[in-house]
């Protein structure tokens, strides 16, 4: 007898503000950081560190990292 796959909860994704990659908000590989009351999620620790150094540069689009 086969048991159907059951999804416990729907996972949401967002875009890493540094490299524009999709990130699972339930388990972000790079963790998360809060800036001015908004939580940002990251694909990896390098993007999180870069964001923390210059959040306004990445949020304004002046800076980006290509992956």
Protein backbone atom coordinates (compact mmCIF):
# COMPACT_ATOMS: atom_id res chain seq x y z
CA UNK A 1 0.00 0.00 0.00
CA UNK A 2 1.37 3.41 -0.97
CA UNK A 3 1.10 6.27 1.47
CA UNK A 4 0.54 9.65 -0.20
CA UNK A 5 2.98 12.45 0.43
CA UNK A 6 1.50 14.89 2.91
CA UNK A 7 2.67 18.47 3.03
CA UNK A 8 2.68 19.77 6.58
CA UNK A 9 3.05 23.43 5.69
CA UNK A 10 3.53 25.55 2.65
CA UNK A 11 7.02 26.95 2.36
CA UNK A 12 7.39 30.52 1.21
CA UNK A 13 10.24 32.01 -0.74
CA UNK A 14 11.62 35.48 -1.03
CA UNK A 15 14.48 37.07 -2.95
CA UNK A 16 17.92 37.60 -1.42
CA UNK A 17 18.46 41.40 -1.60
CA UNK A 18 22.15 40.95 -2.41
CA UNK A 19 22.23 38.37 -5.22
CA UNK A 20 18.54 38.11 -6.25
CA UNK A 21 18.40 34.34 -5.65
CA UNK A 22 15.22 32.72 -4.33
CA UNK A 23 15.46 31.82 -0.64
CA UNK A 24 13.23 29.55 1.44
CA UNK A 25 12.06 31.69 4.36
CA UNK A 26 11.47 28.61 6.49
CA UNK A 27 15.09 27.51 6.25
CA UNK A 28 17.30 30.24 4.76
CA UNK A 29 20.83 28.86 4.19
CA UNK A 30 22.40 32.24 4.95
CA UNK A 31 20.14 33.14 7.82
CA UNK A 32 18.19 36.34 8.20
CA UNK A 33 18.81 39.92 9.20
CA UNK A 34 16.46 42.69 10.25
CA UNK A 35 16.86 46.20 8.87
CA UNK A 36 14.47 48.99 9.87
CA UNK A 37 11.85 46.50 11.01
CA UNK A 38 11.93 44.31 7.89
CA UNK A 39 13.37 40.80 7.90
CA UNK A 40 15.61 39.91 4.95
CA UNK A 41 16.62 36.33 4.12
CA UNK A 42 19.86 35.22 2.48
CA UNK A 43 21.07 32.40 0.24
CA UNK A 44 24.38 32.16 2.09
CA UNK A 45 26.42 33.74 4.86
CA UNK A 46 28.43 35.86 2.41
CA UNK A 47 25.34 37.68 1.21
CA UNK A 48 24.20 38.30 4.79
CA UNK A 49 27.61 39.74 5.74
CA UNK A 50 27.68 41.96 2.63
CA UNK A 51 24.16 43.21 3.38
CA UNK A 52 25.00 44.06 6.98
CA UNK A 53 27.95 46.18 5.81
CA UNK A 54 25.81 48.29 3.45
CA UNK A 55 22.09 47.52 3.61
CA UNK A 56 21.03 50.74 1.87
CA UNK A 57 23.38 50.07 -1.03
CA UNK A 58 21.74 46.71 -1.71
CA UNK A 59 18.19 47.83 -1.05
CA UNK A 60 18.56 50.82 -3.38
CA UNK A 61 19.97 48.65 -6.16
CA UNK A 62 23.27 50.54 -6.26
CA UNK A 63 25.10 47.37 -5.25
CA UNK A 64 24.60 43.74 -6.20
CA UNK A 65 26.53 40.50 -6.35
CA UNK A 66 26.09 38.21 -9.34
CA UNK A 67 25.93 34.52 -8.59
